[in-house]
């Protein structure tokens, strides 16, 4: 089975597995206590915090651990909005952010705040001029922008957006879920969120980093742990494993980024040649190295994913219409691109050229068969 769904979750890195097993034995105690086992757990937790901070370009005391990337986004957005209530209640974000951002924006609106959703171009890149204008509005408390889109891989102009935010005294929350451990973190963020299972760490560990000087006030009942930002008992073994994976992925990032980017370029170039009526989506150059998305006209996306699964490929779709929602991907809709028959290929660490070649060999026949069964061949 060729696993091509790293944008959903990267397979556990071998160094993370090794660190997890070791930490289960020695890092199980409560790191907030003073006895020997607890002090050992505390040392492991703080060493992991230091390693994660170094990889993300933060200070250790700026980094807190959450139970997921989604929780990090929720806490980061709502905590910063709470901390800046005196400045205003206006939130600015792009139309292609992760659903955790957009759901939080809707909650903020229901609570009396306002949210401005800035559009993107056909490549999925936010309209920088419109974003800059939005953050300049009086009462803007916070802006949010992802480093790279989770469905199509397009990189966002984070550094330029951060400069606009800085000119107007507005903090910028950067969702780095798809690039942490793979690409350098852009400069200029005030709040940063990430998710360990995206870089080969175990699930159940997210990262919330808040720059010194950024007003932040948790909206949850006070808890003594994690700088009073994240309540609950820390999963020290999982955090240690997450740090080990991030350290390993970062060390190999330049080589692996180049290798995976070349494989993605091969897919982008080949698919339109071998499959009629297909649209390759996202920026061909300014993109995350491991993600490529294309849509096939006259093809049901779920049917194609099922056939690819039978052929030995684990892929996902950015527009999986379901009977319960009957709606395609909000990302593809915002871009104004084809949403039918959508396939997202996201290559994990170690994905091989042979696997990619086999995928490109079987794809045309599968698409043709689905179209024939639908009577549109």
Protein backbone atom coordinates (compact mmCIF):
# COMPACT_ATOMS: atom_id res chain seq x y z
CA UNK A 1 0.00 0.00 0.00
CA UNK A 2 1.40 3.40 -0.99
CA UNK A 3 0.45 5.95 1.65
CA UNK A 4 -0.11 9.35 0.01
CA UNK A 5 -2.04 11.23 2.71
CA UNK A 6 0.69 12.95 4.73
CA UNK A 7 -1.25 16.22 4.77
CA UNK A 8 -3.77 14.43 6.99
CA UNK A 9 -1.17 12.72 9.12
CA UNK A 10 2.48 11.81 8.59
CA UNK A 11 3.42 8.23 9.56
CA UNK A 12 5.08 8.04 12.96
CA UNK A 13 8.77 8.80 12.61
CA UNK A 14 11.05 5.97 13.83
CA UNK A 15 12.81 8.36 16.20
CA UNK A 16 9.44 9.40 17.62
CA UNK A 17 8.52 5.78 18.26
CA UNK A 18 11.84 5.14 19.99
CA UNK A 19 11.48 8.27 22.14
CA UNK A 20 7.85 7.46 22.98
CA UNK A 21 8.65 3.98 24.25
CA UNK A 22 11.55 5.25 26.35
CA UNK A 23 9.53 8.15 27.80
CA UNK A 24 6.64 5.88 28.76
CA UNK A 25 9.00 4.15 31.16
CA UNK A 26 10.62 7.23 32.67
CA UNK A 27 8.27 10.16 32.00
CA UNK A 28 4.94 8.91 33.34
CA UNK A 29 4.89 10.89 36.60
CA UNK A 30 3.25 14.28 37.22
CA UNK A 31 5.79 16.92 36.09
CA UNK A 32 4.31 19.45 38.52
CA UNK A 33 5.35 17.47 41.62
CA UNK A 34 8.67 17.51 43.49
CA UNK A 35 9.63 13.86 44.03
CA UNK A 36 12.26 12.10 41.94
CA UNK A 37 10.05 10.57 39.23
CA UNK A 38 8.20 13.87 38.83
CA UNK A 39 11.41 15.86 38.48
CA UNK A 40 12.52 13.43 35.76
CA UNK A 41 9.22 13.93 33.91
CA UNK A 42 9.56 17.71 34.31
CA UNK A 43 13.07 17.66 32.83
CA UNK A 44 11.85 15.63 29.86
CA UNK A 45 8.95 18.03 29.30
CA UNK A 46 11.14 21.12 29.42
CA UNK A 47 13.80 19.58 27.18
CA UNK A 48 11.08 18.79 24.64
CA UNK A 49 9.77 22.36 24.94
CA UNK A 50 13.25 23.74 24.25
CA UNK A 51 13.71 21.54 21.19
CA UNK A 52 10.31 22.45 19.73
CA UNK A 53 10.91 26.15 20.40
CA UNK A 54 14.27 26.02 18.64
CA UNK A 55 12.78 24.31 15.58
CA UNK A 56 9.94 26.86 15.36
CA UNK A 57 12.00 29.97 16.03
CA UNK A 58 10.48 30.68 19.43
CA UNK A 59 11.62 30.97 23.04
CA UNK A 60 10.90 27.97 25.29
CA UNK A 61 8.74 30.09 27.59
CA UNK A 62 6.60 31.09 24.58
CA UNK A 63 5.72 27.46 23.74
CA UNK A 64 2.84 25.52 25.26
CA UNK A 65 1.52 22.08 24.37
CA UNK A 66 -2.10 21.33 23.56
CA UNK A 67 -4.03 18.15 22.76
CA UNK A 68 -4.14 18.87 19.00
CA UNK A 69 -3.48 21.43 16.31
CA UNK A 70 -7.18 22.21 16.25
CA UNK A 71 -7.21 22.96 19.96
CA UNK A 72 -4.13 25.13 19.50
CA UNK A 73 -5.99 27.17 16.87
CA UNK A 74 -9.09 27.48 19.07
CA UNK A 75 -7.08 28.56 22.11
CA UNK A 76 -4.79 30.82 20.11
CA UNK A 77 -7.58 32.69 18.37
CA UNK A 78 -9.95 33.01 21.30
CA UNK A 79 -7.20 33.73 23.85
CA UNK A 80 -5.70 36.52 21.74
CA UNK A 81 -9.12 37.99 20.96
CA UNK A 82 -9.91 37.91 24.68
CA UNK A 83 -6.61 39.56 25.54
CA UNK A 84 -7.21 42.36 23.02
CA UNK A 85 -10.88 43.11 23.71
CA UNK A 86 -10.01 46.71 24.55
CA UNK A 87 -8.40 47.15 21.12
CA UNK A 88 -11.50 45.89 19.34
CA UNK A 89 -13.37 42.77 18.30
CA UNK A 90 -12.64 42.58 14.58
CA UNK A 91 -10.99 39.38 13.26
CA UNK A 92 -9.41 39.09 9.80
CA UNK A 93 -8.66 35.79 8.09
CA UNK A 94 -8.54 34.23 4.63
CA UNK A 95 -11.26 32.23 2.92
CA UNK A 96 -9.09 29.10 2.66
CA UNK A 97 -8.07 28.66 6.29
CA UNK A 98 -8.53 25.34 8.05
CA UNK A 99 -12.05 24.70 9.27
CA UNK A 100 -10.88 25.16 12.88
CA UNK A 101 -10.17 28.82 12.08
CA UNK A 102 -13.45 29.43 10.24
CA UNK A 103 -15.51 27.68 12.94
CA UNK A 104 -13.84 29.85 15.57
CA UNK A 105 -14.57 32.96 13.49
CA UNK A 106 -18.25 32.04 13.40
CA UNK A 107 -18.24 31.51 17.17
CA UNK A 108 -16.63 34.91 17.60
CA UNK A 109 -19.40 36.48 15.50
CA UNK A 110 -22.10 34.76 17.54
CA UNK A 111 -20.46 36.24 20.63
CA UNK A 112 -20.84 39.75 19.22
CA UNK A 113 -17.53 40.14 17.41
CA UNK A 114 -16.98 40.63 13.70
CA UNK A 115 -15.01 38.53 11.22
CA UNK A 116 -13.80 39.59 7.80
CA UNK A 117 -13.01 36.76 5.38
CA UNK A 118 -10.55 37.86 2.69
CA UNK A 119 -10.76 36.16 -0.70
CA UNK A 120 -8.05 34.35 -2.66
CA UNK A 121 -7.03 34.12 -6.29
CA UNK A 122 -7.40 31.06 -8.51
CA UNK A 123 -4.12 29.65 -7.19
CA UNK A 124 -5.39 29.86 -3.62
CA UNK A 125 -3.23 32.80 -2.52
CA UNK A 126 -4.84 35.43 -0.35
CA UNK A 127 -5.40 38.88 -1.84
CA UNK A 128 -2.60 40.67 0.01
CA UNK A 129 -3.90 44.17 -0.74
CA UNK A 130 -7.36 43.28 0.58
CA UNK A 131 -5.83 41.54 3.61
CA UNK A 132 -3.71 44.63 4.39
CA UNK A 133 -6.73 46.89 4.03
CA UNK A 134 -8.78 44.65 6.33
CA UNK A 135 -6.20 44.71 9.15
CA UNK A 136 -6.02 48.51 8.89
CA UNK A 137 -9.66 48.89 9.94
CA UNK A 138 -10.18 50.47 13.38
CA UNK A 139 -10.94 47.88 16.04
CA UNK A 140 -9.02 45.03 14.41
CA UNK A 141 -7.90 42.77 17.24
CA UNK A 142 -6.30 39.86 15.38
CA UNK A 143 -5.46 38.49 11.92
CA UNK A 144 -4.90 34.86 10.98
CA UNK A 145 -3.13 33.30 8.01
CA UNK A 146 -1.86 29.79 7.27
CA UNK A 147 1.65 29.15 5.97
CA UNK A 148 0.45 26.74 3.29
CA UNK A 149 -2.98 25.53 2.33
CA UNK A 150 -3.83 22.08 3.60
CA UNK A 151 -5.79 21.09 0.48
CA UNK A 152 -3.84 22.51 -2.45
CA UNK A 153 -0.42 23.31 -0.97
CA UNK A 154 -0.25 26.98 -2.03
CA UNK A 155 2.08 29.04 0.15
CA UNK A 156 0.64 32.21 1.60
CA UNK A 157 2.52 35.56 1.75
CA UNK A 158 2.91 35.36 5.51
CA UNK A 159 5.93 37.66 5.81
CA UNK A 160 4.19 40.39 3.78
CA UNK A 161 0.96 39.96 5.73
CA UNK A 162 2.94 40.14 8.98
CA UNK A 163 4.52 43.41 7.86
CA UNK A 164 1.07 44.87 7.18
CA UNK A 165 -0.13 43.72 10.59
CA UNK A 166 2.91 45.21 12.25
CA UNK A 167 2.26 48.60 10.61
CA UNK A 168 -1.19 48.69 12.15
CA UNK A 169 -0.31 47.16 15.52
CA UNK A 170 -2.32 43.97 14.90
CA UNK A 171 -0.99 40.57 16.01
CA UNK A 172 -0.88 37.78 13.41
CA UNK A 173 -1.71 34.18 14.23
CA UNK A 174 0.08 31.85 11.81
CA UNK A 175 -1.21 28.30 11.33
CA UNK A 176 1.94 26.36 10.42
CA UNK A 177 0.38 22.90 10.49
CA UNK A 178 1.37 21.94 6.94
CA UNK A 179 4.92 23.30 6.96
CA UNK A 180 6.32 22.90 10.49
CA UNK A 181 9.26 20.52 10.25
CA UNK A 182 9.24 20.74 6.45
CA UNK A 183 9.96 24.41 5.74
CA UNK A 184 11.34 27.36 7.72
CA UNK A 185 8.73 29.22 9.76
CA UNK A 186 8.07 32.68 8.25
CA UNK A 187 9.06 35.74 10.25
CA UNK A 188 6.62 38.12 11.88
CA UNK A 189 4.14 35.91 13.71
CA UNK A 190 2.70 36.84 17.09
CA UNK A 191 0.93 33.53 17.71
CA UNK A 192 1.89 30.24 16.06
CA UNK A 193 0.02 26.94 15.96
CA UNK A 194 1.13 23.52 14.73
CA UNK A 195 0.28 19.84 15.05
CA UNK A 196 2.77 17.08 15.87
CA UNK A 197 1.17 14.29 13.85
CA UNK A 198 1.68 16.38 10.69
CA UNK A 199 5.48 16.12 11.11
CA UNK A 200 5.68 12.49 12.19
CA UNK A 201 4.99 12.86 15.89
CA UNK A 202 2.19 10.99 17.67
CA UNK A 203 -1.38 12.25 17.49
CA UNK A 204 -2.69 14.15 20.48
CA UNK A 205 0.02 16.83 20.65
CA UNK A 206 -0.41 20.36 19.34
CA UNK A 207 1.73 23.45 19.78
CA UNK A 208 0.61 26.94 20.72
CA UNK A 209 3.35 29.57 20.81
CA UNK A 210 2.61 33.13 21.95
CA UNK A 211 5.28 35.78 21.49
CA UNK A 212 6.31 37.81 24.50
CA UNK A 213 4.43 41.09 24.42
CA UNK A 214 1.34 39.66 22.73
CA UNK A 215 -1.73 40.21 24.86
CA UNK A 216 -3.26 36.81 25.60
CA UNK A 217 -5.88 35.84 28.12
CA UNK A 218 -7.31 32.35 28.30
CA UNK A 219 -11.08 32.24 28.09
CA UNK A 220 -11.10 28.95 30.05
CA UNK A 221 -11.07 28.48 33.83
CA UNK A 222 -7.60 29.09 35.21
CA UNK A 223 -5.21 26.15 35.37
CA UNK A 224 -1.67 26.21 36.73
CA UNK A 225 -0.17 24.16 33.88
CA UNK A 226 1.32 25.24 30.54
CA UNK A 227 1.73 28.93 31.41
CA UNK A 228 -1.96 29.09 32.37
CA UNK A 229 -2.90 28.86 28.68
CA UNK A 230 -3.81 25.18 28.33
CA UNK A 231 -5.60 23.28 31.10
CA UNK A 232 -5.01 19.64 31.89
CA UNK A 233 -2.31 17.10 32.55
CA UNK A 234 0.54 17.09 30.03
CA UNK A 235 1.13 13.90 28.02
CA UNK A 236 4.87 13.94 28.61
CA UNK A 237 5.77 10.76 26.65
CA UNK A 238 3.85 11.96 23.57
CA UNK A 239 5.37 15.44 23.83
CA UNK A 240 8.87 13.96 24.05
CA UNK A 241 8.13 11.85 20.96
CA UNK A 242 6.76 14.90 19.12
CA UNK A 243 9.96 16.82 19.83
CA UNK A 244 12.08 13.90 18.63
CA UNK A 245 10.14 13.72 15.37
CA UNK A 246 10.37 17.48 14.80
CA UNK A 247 14.09 17.43 15.45
CA UNK A 248 14.58 14.56 12.98
CA UNK A 249 12.31 16.03 10.30
CA UNK A 250 13.96 19.46 10.57
CA UNK A 251 17.44 17.96 10.27
CA UNK A 252 16.48 16.23 7.01
CA UNK A 253 14.14 18.93 5.72
CA UNK A 254 16.30 20.45 2.98
CA UNK A 255 17.09 17.15 1.28
CA UNK A 256 13.61 15.68 1.65
CA UNK A 257 11.93 18.91 0.59
CA UNK A 258 13.87 18.91 -2.67
CA UNK A 259 13.18 15.23 -3.32
CA UNK A 260 9.45 15.36 -2.61
CA UNK A 261 9.03 18.60 -4.53
CA UNK A 262 10.49 16.93 -7.62
CA UNK A 263 8.05 14.02 -7.28
CA UNK A 264 5.13 16.42 -6.88
CA UNK A 265 6.31 18.32 -9.97
CA UNK A 266 6.25 15.03 -11.89
CA UNK A 267 2.66 14.42 -10.84
CA UNK A 268 1.63 17.97 -11.72
CA UNK A 269 3.20 17.67 -15.15
CA UNK A 270 2.07 14.14 -16.00
CA UNK A 271 -1.55 13.99 -14.85
CA UNK A 272 -2.89 16.49 -17.44
CA UNK A 273 -1.06 14.59 -20.17
CA UNK A 274 -2.51 11.17 -19.34
CA UNK A 275 -5.99 12.09 -18.05
CA UNK A 276 -8.34 14.17 -20.25
CA UNK A 277 -10.44 16.96 -18.73
CA UNK A 278 -8.41 17.39 -15.57
CA UNK A 279 -7.42 20.55 -13.69
CA UNK A 280 -4.30 20.62 -11.54
CA UNK A 281 -4.99 23.04 -8.70
CA UNK A 282 -2.80 25.39 -6.69
CA UNK A 283 0.39 27.30 -7.32
CA UNK A 284 2.86 25.27 -9.44
CA UNK A 285 5.86 26.99 -7.86
CA UNK A 286 4.98 28.70 -4.57
CA UNK A 287 3.75 25.57 -2.81
CA UNK A 288 4.43 23.15 0.01
CA UNK A 289 6.80 20.46 -1.25
CA UNK A 290 4.59 17.45 -0.58
CA UNK A 291 1.06 18.38 -1.73
CA UNK A 292 -0.54 18.22 -5.18
CA UNK A 293 -4.27 18.36 -5.92
CA UNK A 294 -6.16 17.79 -9.15
CA UNK A 295 -9.83 17.52 -10.15
CA UNK A 296 -11.26 15.27 -12.84
CA UNK A 297 -14.38 16.37 -14.71
CA UNK A 298 -17.26 13.86 -14.88
CA UNK A 299 -15.83 11.82 -12.00
CA UNK A 300 -17.28 11.24 -8.53
CA UNK A 301 -14.48 11.99 -6.07
CA UNK A 302 -15.39 9.32 -3.54
CA UNK A 303 -15.64 6.69 -6.28
CA UNK A 304 -12.15 7.58 -7.48
CA UNK A 305 -10.71 7.44 -3.96
CA UNK A 306 -12.29 4.02 -3.49
CA UNK A 307 -10.81 2.70 -6.72
CA UNK A 308 -7.40 4.10 -5.85
CA UNK A 309 -7.63 2.42 -2.46
CA UNK A 310 -8.36 -0.91 -4.17
CA UNK A 311 -5.34 -0.32 -6.40
CA UNK A 312 -3.11 0.21 -3.36
CA UNK A 313 -3.05 3.99 -2.88
CA UNK A 314 -4.17 5.86 0.23
CA UNK A 315 -5.14 9.36 -0.94
CA UNK A 316 -7.73 11.88 0.15
CA UNK A 317 -9.98 14.47 -1.39
CA UNK A 318 -10.26 18.16 -0.74
CA UNK A 319 -13.86 18.14 -1.89
CA UNK A 320 -15.39 15.01 -0.49
CA UNK A 321 -19.08 15.73 -0.93
CA UNK A 322 -21.13 13.66 1.45
CA UNK A 323 -24.81 12.94 1.66
CA UNK A 324 -24.94 14.81 4.96
CA UNK A 325 -23.49 18.10 3.70
CA UNK A 326 -23.87 18.06 -0.09
CA UNK A 327 -21.17 20.72 -0.17
CA UNK A 328 -17.76 20.64 -1.80
CA UNK A 329 -14.59 21.95 -0.19
CA UNK A 330 -14.74 25.57 0.97
CA UNK A 331 -11.14 25.94 -0.23
CA UNK A 332 -11.88 24.89 -3.82
CA UNK A 333 -15.05 26.98 -3.84
CA UNK A 334 -13.14 30.06 -2.70
CA UNK A 335 -10.57 29.49 -5.45
CA UNK A 336 -13.26 29.12 -8.10
CA UNK A 337 -11.80 25.88 -9.44
CA UNK A 338 -13.26 22.52 -10.43
CA UNK A 339 -14.49 20.66 -7.36
CA UNK A 340 -15.65 17.36 -8.89
CA UNK A 341 -13.47 14.26 -8.84
CA UNK A 342 -10.92 15.91 -6.57
CA UNK A 343 -7.81 14.01 -5.44
CA UNK A 344 -5.19 15.29 -3.01
CA UNK A 345 -1.87 13.48 -3.10
CA UNK A 346 0.41 14.38 -0.18
CA UNK A 347 3.69 12.52 -0.05
CA UNK A 348 5.17 11.42 3.28
CA UNK A 349 8.82 11.22 4.23
CA UNK A 350 10.41 8.44 2.21
CA UNK A 351 7.81 8.27 -0.57
CA UNK A 352 9.52 6.70 -3.58
CA UNK A 353 9.67 7.54 -7.27
CA UNK A 354 8.53 3.98 -8.03
CA UNK A 355 5.32 4.52 -6.03
CA UNK A 356 4.64 7.77 -7.86
CA UNK A 357 5.26 6.11 -11.24
CA UNK A 358 2.86 3.31 -10.37
CA UNK A 359 0.23 5.85 -9.33
CA UNK A 360 0.58 7.69 -12.63
CA UNK A 361 0.31 4.39 -14.49
CA UNK A 362 -2.96 3.22 -12.91
CA UNK A 363 -4.73 6.59 -12.63
CA UNK A 364 -5.80 7.00 -16.29
CA UNK A 365 -7.47 3.58 -16.44
CA UNK A 366 -9.36 4.16 -13.18
CA UNK A 367 -10.66 7.57 -14.30
CA UNK A 368 -11.69 6.17 -17.68
CA UNK A 369 -13.53 3.28 -16.04
CA UNK A 370 -15.48 5.56 -13.69
CA UNK A 371 -16.41 7.85 -16.55
CA UNK A 372 -17.50 4.88 -18.66
CA UNK A 373 -19.65 3.52 -15.83
CA UNK A 374 -21.24 6.97 -15.54
CA UNK A 375 -21.92 7.03 -19.27
CA UNK A 376 -19.68 10.01 -20.04
CA UNK A 377 -16.68 8.28 -21.59
